[in-house]
Amino acid sequence: MAPEMDQFYRSTMAIYKSIMEQFNPALENLVYLGNNYLRAFHALSEAAEVYFSAIQKIGEQALQSSTSQILGEILVQMSDTQRHLNSDLEVVVQTFHGDLLQHMEKNTKLDMQFIKDSRQHYEVEYRHRAASLEKCMSELWHMERKRDKNAREMKESVNRLHAQMQAFVSESQRAAELEEKRRYRFLAEKHLLLSNTFLQFFGRVSRAADGQLQPPEVAAREFPSLPLTC
C-alpha cells in the first residue's frame, strides 16, 4: 500500500484510539468526580440550612429584647438572605446535574459502542479495499510482464480503485476528526452553560451583599467598638 494511504490509515485509527482510550475514560472520571461534588454540596446545603435557621432563631430572640431589636433585624435579614442564596445555588446544582452530568454519563455509555463500531467498520473496509487494490496491482504486474492485451483495461481498474481508496481514506479521516471535535465541543458548550449559571448566581450574591450593607451611622451605633473606616 502507498505510504500516503498508510499514513491516512494510521492517523484515522489514532483518532479513534484517542477517543476510546483517553477522552471517554476522562469523561467517565468527570462524571464520577461530579457526583462526588453533588454529594458534598447536598451535605453542605443541609448543614447551611440548619445553621442559618439557628441564626434566625437568635435574631428573633433579639427582636423581643429591649436593647437589641435592630441587631435582631440584621440577624434575621442575614439569615433570610443566606437561605435564599442557598436556594438559588440549588438551581445551579440542578443545572450541573441535569444539563451536564446526566448528559455526559449517557453520552459516554452510548459513545463507547458507537466509536468501537465505527473504528471496526473503518478497519474492515480499509483492509477490504486495500486487498482488492493489491490484488489488481499484482494482476496488472503479471499481465504487463506477459504483454497481455487486457493490461490496459486492468491498469484503468487499478487507477480507479486507487482513486476510490484515496477518497475513502480522506473522507474517513475527516469524519473521525469531526467526531473528535464534536466531543470536545460538547464538553466545552456544557461547561460554558454551567459557568454562565454560576456567574448569574454570583451576581445575585453581590446584589444581596450590597443590600445588607448598613449605613455608617447605624454601624457606629450598633457596633461602637468597631472603627467606621479601615
C-alpha atoms as a PDB file:
ATOM      1  CA  MET A   1       0.000   0.000   0.000  1.00  0.00           C
ATOM      2  CA  ALA A   2       1.194   3.507  -0.853  1.00  0.00           C
ATOM      3  CA  PRO A   3       2.820   5.376   2.066  1.00  0.00           C
ATOM      4  CA  GLU A   4       0.264   8.208   1.961  1.00  0.00           C
ATOM      5  CA  MET A   5      -2.599   5.696   2.238  1.00  0.00           C
ATOM      6  CA  ASP A   6      -0.937   4.021   5.198  1.00  0.00           C
ATOM      7  CA  GLN A   7      -0.393   7.399   6.837  1.00  0.00           C
ATOM      8  CA  PHE A   8      -4.096   8.250   6.486  1.00  0.00           C
ATOM      9  CA  TYR A   9      -4.986   4.873   7.972  1.00  0.00           C
ATOM     10  CA  ARG A  10      -2.697   5.248  10.988  1.00  0.00           C
ATOM     11  CA  SER A  11      -3.861   8.807  11.594  1.00  0.00           C
ATOM     12  CA  THR A  12      -7.553   7.857  11.497  1.00  0.00           C
ATOM     13  CA  MET A  13      -7.048   4.858  13.761  1.00  0.00           C
ATOM     14  CA  ALA A  14      -5.109   7.062  16.195  1.00  0.00           C
ATOM     15  CA  ILE A  15      -8.083   9.435  16.433  1.00  0.00           C
ATOM     16  CA  TYR A  16     -10.474   6.602  17.236  1.00  0.00           C
ATOM     17  CA  LYS A  17      -7.996   5.227  19.766  1.00  0.00           C
ATOM     18  CA  SER A  18      -7.677   8.646  21.414  1.00  0.00           C
ATOM     19  CA  ILE A  19     -11.449   8.930  21.801  1.00  0.00           C
ATOM     20  CA  MET A  20     -11.788   5.404  23.183  1.00  0.00           C
ATOM     21  CA  GLU A  21      -8.756   5.308  25.459  1.00  0.00           C
ATOM     22  CA  GLN A  22      -8.382   8.949  26.535  1.00  0.00           C
ATOM     23  CA  PHE A  23     -11.459  11.125  26.008  1.00  0.00           C
ATOM     24  CA  ASN A  24     -14.187   8.689  27.071  1.00  0.00           C
ATOM     25  CA  PRO A  25     -12.341   7.490  30.215  1.00  0.00           C
ATOM     26  CA  ALA A  26     -11.678  11.134  31.117  1.00  0.00           C
ATOM     27  CA  LEU A  27     -15.384  11.861  30.679  1.00  0.00           C
ATOM     28  CA  GLU A  28     -16.272   8.913  32.906  1.00  0.00           C
ATOM     29  CA  ASN A  29     -13.910  10.299  35.546  1.00  0.00           C
ATOM     30  CA  LEU A  30     -15.593  13.710  35.304  1.00  0.00           C
ATOM     31  CA  VAL A  31     -18.966  12.081  35.936  1.00  0.00           C
ATOM     32  CA  TYR A  32     -17.541  10.293  38.984  1.00  0.00           C
ATOM     33  CA  LEU A  33     -15.979  13.497  40.348  1.00  0.00           C
ATOM     34  CA  GLY A  34     -19.138  15.454  39.584  1.00  0.00           C
ATOM     35  CA  ASN A  35     -21.288  13.025  41.546  1.00  0.00           C
ATOM     36  CA  ASN A  36     -18.878  13.360  44.476  1.00  0.00           C
ATOM     37  CA  TYR A  37     -19.254  17.140  44.201  1.00  0.00           C
ATOM     38  CA  LEU A  38     -23.058  16.816  44.260  1.00  0.00           C
ATOM     39  CA  ARG A  39     -23.000  14.690  47.398  1.00  0.00           C
ATOM     40  CA  ALA A  40     -20.677  17.175  49.093  1.00  0.00           C
ATOM     41  CA  PHE A  41     -22.893  20.092  48.080  1.00  0.00           C
ATOM     42  CA  HIS A  42     -26.074  18.474  49.373  1.00  0.00           C
ATOM     43  CA  ALA A  43     -24.370  17.789  52.707  1.00  0.00           C
ATOM     44  CA  LEU A  44     -23.159  21.410  52.852  1.00  0.00           C
ATOM     45  CA  SER A  45     -26.589  22.724  51.861  1.00  0.00           C
ATOM     46  CA  GLU A  46     -28.300  20.778  54.632  1.00  0.00           C
ATOM     47  CA  ALA A  47     -25.748  21.978  57.188  1.00  0.00           C
ATOM     48  CA  ALA A  48     -26.146  25.580  55.997  1.00  0.00           C
ATOM     49  CA  GLU A  49     -29.933  25.368  56.328  1.00  0.00           C
ATOM     50  CA  VAL A  50     -29.625  24.175  59.925  1.00  0.00           C
ATOM     51  CA  TYR A  51     -27.001  26.806  60.735  1.00  0.00           C
ATOM     52  CA  PHE A  52     -28.872  29.806  59.346  1.00  0.00           C
ATOM     53  CA  SER A  53     -32.148  28.599  60.851  1.00  0.00           C
ATOM     54  CA  ALA A  54     -30.371  28.757  64.200  1.00  0.00           C
ATOM     55  CA  ILE A  55     -29.143  32.280  63.373  1.00  0.00           C
ATOM     56  CA  GLN A  56     -32.716  33.294  62.589  1.00  0.00           C
ATOM     57  CA  LYS A  57     -33.968  31.982  65.924  1.00  0.00           C
ATOM     58  CA  ILE A  58     -31.330  34.009  67.749  1.00  0.00           C
ATOM     59  CA  GLY A  59     -32.323  37.062  65.721  1.00  0.00           C
ATOM     60  CA  GLU A  60     -35.962  36.527  66.639  1.00  0.00           C
ATOM     61  CA  GLN A  61     -34.933  36.377  70.289  1.00  0.00           C
ATOM     62  CA  ALA A  62     -33.107  39.681  69.863  1.00  0.00           C
ATOM     63  CA  LEU A  63     -36.264  41.218  68.385  1.00  0.00           C
ATOM     64  CA  GLN A  64     -38.029  40.529  71.674  1.00  0.00           C
ATOM     65  CA  SER A  65     -35.335  42.282  73.708  1.00  0.00           C
ATOM     66  CA  SER A  66     -35.373  45.939  74.698  1.00  0.00           C
ATOM     67  CA  THR A  67     -31.748  46.571  73.724  1.00  0.00           C
ATOM     68  CA  SER A  68     -31.006  44.665  70.516  1.00  0.00           C
ATOM     69  CA  GLN A  69     -34.020  44.900  68.198  1.00  0.00           C
ATOM     70  CA  ILE A  70     -32.020  46.396  65.313  1.00  0.00           C
ATOM     71  CA  LEU A  71     -29.390  43.691  65.728  1.00  0.00           C
ATOM     72  CA  GLY A  72     -32.173  41.130  65.681  1.00  0.00           C
ATOM     73  CA  GLU A  73     -33.442  42.581  62.399  1.00  0.00           C
ATOM     74  CA  ILE A  74     -29.926  42.351  60.957  1.00  0.00           C
ATOM     75  CA  LEU A  75     -29.545  38.724  62.025  1.00  0.00           C
ATOM     76  CA  VAL A  76     -32.967  37.743  60.644  1.00  0.00           C
ATOM     77  CA  GLN A  77     -32.278  39.562  57.378  1.00  0.00           C
ATOM     78  CA  MET A  78     -28.875  37.915  57.031  1.00  0.00           C
ATOM     79  CA  SER A  79     -30.395  34.513  57.705  1.00  0.00           C
ATOM     80  CA  ASP A  80     -33.178  35.041  55.154  1.00  0.00           C
ATOM     81  CA  THR A  81     -30.709  36.254  52.541  1.00  0.00           C
ATOM     82  CA  GLN A  82     -28.354  33.338  53.062  1.00  0.00           C
ATOM     83  CA  ARG A  83     -31.185  30.830  52.837  1.00  0.00           C
ATOM     84  CA  HIS A  84     -32.458  32.436  49.627  1.00  0.00           C
ATOM     85  CA  LEU A  85     -28.961  32.303  48.162  1.00  0.00           C
ATOM     86  CA  ASN A  86     -28.686  28.687  49.202  1.00  0.00           C
ATOM     87  CA  SER A  87     -31.921  28.049  47.328  1.00  0.00           C
ATOM     88  CA  ASP A  88     -30.536  29.867  44.268  1.00  0.00           C
ATOM     89  CA  LEU A  89     -27.413  27.744  44.456  1.00  0.00           C
ATOM     90  CA  GLU A  90     -29.655  24.684  44.265  1.00  0.00           C
ATOM     91  CA  VAL A  91     -30.663  25.878  40.787  1.00  0.00           C
ATOM     92  CA  VAL A  92     -27.005  25.971  39.777  1.00  0.00           C
ATOM     93  CA  VAL A  93     -26.502  22.457  41.080  1.00  0.00           C
ATOM     94  CA  GLN A  94     -29.608  21.245  39.250  1.00  0.00           C
ATOM     95  CA  THR A  95     -28.134  22.658  36.051  1.00  0.00           C
ATOM     96  CA  PHE A  96     -24.868  20.911  36.825  1.00  0.00           C
ATOM     97  CA  HIS A  97     -26.648  17.613  37.408  1.00  0.00           C
ATOM     98  CA  GLY A  98     -29.350  17.715  34.727  1.00  0.00           C
ATOM     99  CA  ASP A  99     -27.680  19.578  31.880  1.00  0.00           C
ATOM    100  CA  LEU A 100     -24.144  18.322  32.385  1.00  0.00           C
ATOM    101  CA  LEU A 101     -23.559  15.188  34.447  1.00  0.00           C
ATOM    102  CA  GLN A 102     -26.537  13.213  33.158  1.00  0.00           C
ATOM    103  CA  HIS A 103     -25.737  14.098  29.550  1.00  0.00           C
ATOM    104  CA  MET A 104     -22.083  13.195  29.982  1.00  0.00           C
ATOM    105  CA  GLU A 105     -22.948   9.868  31.587  1.00  0.00           C
ATOM    106  CA  LYS A 106     -25.493   8.991  28.896  1.00  0.00           C
ATOM    107  CA  ASN A 107     -23.263  10.113  26.037  1.00  0.00           C
ATOM    108  CA  THR A 108     -20.272   8.182  27.356  1.00  0.00           C
ATOM    109  CA  LYS A 109     -22.167   4.908  27.523  1.00  0.00           C
ATOM    110  CA  LEU A 110     -23.598   5.324  24.023  1.00  0.00           C
ATOM    111  CA  ASP A 111     -20.391   6.697  22.574  1.00  0.00           C
ATOM    112  CA  MET A 112     -18.143   3.849  23.634  1.00  0.00           C
ATOM    113  CA  GLN A 113     -20.082   1.361  21.499  1.00  0.00           C
ATOM    114  CA  PHE A 114     -20.527   3.842  18.651  1.00  0.00           C
ATOM    115  CA  ILE A 115     -16.815   4.600  18.387  1.00  0.00           C
ATOM    116  CA  LYS A 116     -15.920   0.937  18.731  1.00  0.00           C
ATOM    117  CA  ASP A 117     -18.278   0.052  15.866  1.00  0.00           C
ATOM    118  CA  SER A 118     -17.069   2.989  13.753  1.00  0.00           C
ATOM    119  CA  ARG A 119     -13.429   2.024  14.161  1.00  0.00           C
ATOM    120  CA  GLN A 120     -14.138  -1.620  13.422  1.00  0.00           C
ATOM    121  CA  HIS A 121     -16.151  -0.716  10.311  1.00  0.00           C
ATOM    122  CA  TYR A 122     -13.374   1.558   9.065  1.00  0.00           C
ATOM    123  CA  GLU A 123     -10.695  -1.044   9.708  1.00  0.00           C
ATOM    124  CA  VAL A 124     -12.626  -3.809   7.901  1.00  0.00           C
ATOM    125  CA  GLU A 125     -13.483  -1.555   4.966  1.00  0.00           C
ATOM    126  CA  TYR A 126      -9.915  -0.313   4.665  1.00  0.00           C
ATOM    127  CA  ARG A 127      -8.480  -3.818   4.653  1.00  0.00           C
ATOM    128  CA  HIS A 128     -11.061  -4.969   2.099  1.00  0.00           C
ATOM    129  CA  ARG A 129     -10.316  -2.067  -0.239  1.00  0.00           C
ATOM    130  CA  ALA A 130      -6.564  -2.434   0.263  1.00  0.00           C
ATOM    131  CA  ALA A 131      -6.717  -6.158  -0.508  1.00  0.00           C
ATOM    132  CA  SER A 132      -8.720  -5.524  -3.686  1.00  0.00           C
ATOM    133  CA  LEU A 133      -6.276  -2.869  -4.828  1.00  0.00           C
ATOM    134  CA  GLU A 134      -3.249  -5.030  -4.038  1.00  0.00           C
ATOM    135  CA  LYS A 135      -4.781  -7.937  -5.942  1.00  0.00           C
ATOM    136  CA  CYS A 136      -5.438  -5.816  -9.028  1.00  0.00           C
ATOM    137  CA  MET A 137      -1.955  -4.315  -8.884  1.00  0.00           C
ATOM    138  CA  SER A 138      -0.441  -7.806  -8.682  1.00  0.00           C
ATOM    139  CA  GLU A 139      -2.513  -8.988 -11.634  1.00  0.00           C
ATOM    140  CA  LEU A 140      -1.506  -5.908 -13.616  1.00  0.00           C
ATOM    141  CA  TRP A 141       2.165  -6.596 -12.929  1.00  0.00           C
ATOM    142  CA  HIS A 142       1.848 -10.146 -14.251  1.00  0.00           C
ATOM    143  CA  MET A 143      -0.185  -9.033 -17.259  1.00  0.00           C
ATOM    144  CA  GLU A 144       2.374  -6.366 -18.193  1.00  0.00           C
ATOM    145  CA  ARG A 145       5.181  -8.907 -17.958  1.00  0.00           C
ATOM    146  CA  LYS A 146       3.285 -11.200 -20.305  1.00  0.00           C
ATOM    147  CA  ARG A 147       2.273  -8.282 -22.532  1.00  0.00           C
ATOM    148  CA  ASP A 148      -1.339  -9.279 -22.060  1.00  0.00           C
ATOM    149  CA  LYS A 149      -3.718  -7.332 -24.304  1.00  0.00           C
ATOM    150  CA  ASN A 150      -6.021  -6.719 -21.337  1.00  0.00           C
ATOM    151  CA  ALA A 151      -3.290  -4.980 -19.336  1.00  0.00           C
ATOM    152  CA  ARG A 152      -4.554  -1.536 -20.321  1.00  0.00           C
ATOM    153  CA  GLU A 153      -8.041  -2.302 -19.067  1.00  0.00           C
ATOM    154  CA  MET A 154      -6.606  -3.677 -15.829  1.00  0.00           C
ATOM    155  CA  LYS A 155      -4.493  -0.536 -15.397  1.00  0.00           C
ATOM    156  CA  GLU A 156      -7.627   1.580 -15.668  1.00  0.00           C
ATOM    157  CA  SER A 157      -9.219  -0.575 -12.971  1.00  0.00           C
ATOM    158  CA  VAL A 158      -6.165  -0.101 -10.740  1.00  0.00           C
ATOM    159  CA  ASN A 159      -6.276   3.671 -11.238  1.00  0.00           C
ATOM    160  CA  ARG A 160      -9.986   3.729 -10.456  1.00  0.00           C
ATOM    161  CA  LEU A 161      -9.553   1.656  -7.305  1.00  0.00           C
ATOM    162  CA  HIS A 162      -6.620   3.828  -6.228  1.00  0.00           C
ATOM    163  CA  ALA A 163      -8.693   6.988  -6.649  1.00  0.00           C
ATOM    164  CA  GLN A 164     -11.574   5.430  -4.721  1.00  0.00           C
ATOM    165  CA  MET A 165      -9.198   4.339  -1.984  1.00  0.00           C
ATOM    166  CA  GLN A 166      -7.720   7.835  -1.764  1.00  0.00           C
ATOM    167  CA  ALA A 167     -11.185   9.353  -1.469  1.00  0.00           C
ATOM    168  CA  PHE A 168     -12.191   6.773   1.138  1.00  0.00           C
ATOM    169  CA  VAL A 169      -9.225   7.338   3.461  1.00  0.00           C
ATOM    170  CA  SER A 170      -9.505  11.129   3.127  1.00  0.00           C
ATOM    171  CA  GLU A 171     -13.222  11.189   3.888  1.00  0.00           C
ATOM    172  CA  SER A 172     -12.793   8.691   6.730  1.00  0.00           C
ATOM    173  CA  GLN A 173     -10.127  10.830   8.379  1.00  0.00           C
ATOM    174  CA  ARG A 174     -12.285  13.949   8.088  1.00  0.00           C
ATOM    175  CA  ALA A 175     -15.199  12.038   9.621  1.00  0.00           C
ATOM    176  CA  ALA A 176     -13.030  10.839  12.518  1.00  0.00           C
ATOM    177  CA  GLU A 177     -11.697  14.372  13.084  1.00  0.00           C
ATOM    178  CA  LEU A 178     -15.262  15.689  13.126  1.00  0.00           C
ATOM    179  CA  GLU A 179     -16.284  13.073  15.702  1.00  0.00           C
ATOM    180  CA  GLU A 180     -13.334  14.059  17.881  1.00  0.00           C
ATOM    181  CA  LYS A 181     -14.142  17.770  17.581  1.00  0.00           C
ATOM    182  CA  ARG A 182     -17.828  17.203  18.353  1.00  0.00           C
ATOM    183  CA  ARG A 183     -16.939  15.594  21.665  1.00  0.00           C
ATOM    184  CA  TYR A 184     -14.673  18.404  22.827  1.00  0.00           C
ATOM    185  CA  ARG A 185     -17.238  20.958  21.654  1.00  0.00           C
ATOM    186  CA  PHE A 186     -19.966  19.164  23.612  1.00  0.00           C
ATOM    187  CA  LEU A 187     -17.852  19.323  26.772  1.00  0.00           C
ATOM    188  CA  ALA A 188     -16.942  22.983  26.235  1.00  0.00           C
ATOM    189  CA  GLU A 189     -20.526  24.074  25.499  1.00  0.00           C
ATOM    190  CA  LYS A 190     -21.950  22.278  28.530  1.00  0.00           C
ATOM    191  CA  HIS A 191     -19.374  23.795  30.874  1.00  0.00           C
ATOM    192  CA  LEU A 192     -19.882  27.235  29.340  1.00  0.00           C
ATOM    193  CA  LEU A 193     -23.567  26.933  30.207  1.00  0.00           C
ATOM    194  CA  LEU A 194     -22.616  25.948  33.743  1.00  0.00           C
ATOM    195  CA  SER A 195     -20.184  28.884  34.024  1.00  0.00           C
ATOM    196  CA  ASN A 196     -22.887  31.321  32.902  1.00  0.00           C
ATOM    197  CA  THR A 197     -25.258  29.902  35.508  1.00  0.00           C
ATOM    198  CA  PHE A 198     -22.584  30.374  38.183  1.00  0.00           C
ATOM    199  CA  LEU A 199     -21.976  33.959  37.027  1.00  0.00           C
ATOM    200  CA  GLN A 200     -25.684  34.740  37.339  1.00  0.00           C
ATOM    201  CA  PHE A 201     -25.657  33.285  40.835  1.00  0.00           C
ATOM    202  CA  PHE A 202     -22.627  35.329  41.889  1.00  0.00           C
ATOM    203  CA  GLY A 203     -24.349  38.426  40.516  1.00  0.00           C
ATOM    204  CA  ARG A 204     -27.281  37.761  42.826  1.00  0.00           C
ATOM    205  CA  VAL A 205     -24.868  37.196  45.720  1.00  0.00           C
ATOM    206  CA  SER A 206     -23.232  40.567  45.049  1.00  0.00           C
ATOM    207  CA  ARG A 207     -26.561  42.370  44.919  1.00  0.00           C
ATOM    208  CA  ALA A 208     -27.701  40.658  48.114  1.00  0.00           C
ATOM    209  CA  ALA A 209     -24.488  41.670  49.877  1.00  0.00           C
ATOM    210  CA  ASP A 210     -24.933  45.283  48.750  1.00  0.00           C
ATOM    211  CA  GLY A 211     -28.463  45.234  50.112  1.00  0.00           C
ATOM    212  CA  GLN A 212     -27.242  44.120  53.516  1.00  0.00           C
ATOM    213  CA  LEU A 213     -24.633  46.866  53.975  1.00  0.00           C
ATOM    214  CA  GLN A 214     -25.565  49.119  56.855  1.00  0.00           C
ATOM    215  CA  PRO A 215     -25.114  52.909  56.725  1.00  0.00           C
ATOM    216  CA  PRO A 216     -22.063  54.140  58.715  1.00  0.00           C
ATOM    217  CA  GLU A 217     -24.192  55.790  61.381  1.00  0.00           C
ATOM    218  CA  VAL A 218     -26.069  52.514  62.005  1.00  0.00           C
ATOM    219  CA  ALA A 219     -22.793  50.602  62.230  1.00  0.00           C
ATOM    220  CA  ALA A 220     -21.397  53.195  64.652  1.00  0.00           C
ATOM    221  CA  ARG A 221     -24.478  52.999  66.856  1.00  0.00           C
ATOM    222  CA  GLU A 222     -24.785  49.217  66.949  1.00  0.00           C
ATOM    223  CA  PHE A 223     -21.072  48.355  66.883  1.00  0.00           C
ATOM    224  CA  PRO A 224     -19.398  51.215  68.813  1.00  0.00           C
ATOM    225  CA  SER A 225     -16.192  49.282  69.373  1.00  0.00           C
ATOM    226  CA  LEU A 226     -15.538  48.993  65.609  1.00  0.00           C
ATOM    227  CA  PRO A 227     -13.955  51.813  63.586  1.00  0.00           C
ATOM    228  CA  LEU A 228     -16.011  53.315  60.771  1.00  0.00           C
ATOM    229  CA  THR A 229     -13.117  53.043  58.335  1.00  0.00           C
ATOM    230  CA  CYS A 230     -10.085  50.828  57.977  1.00  0.00           C
END
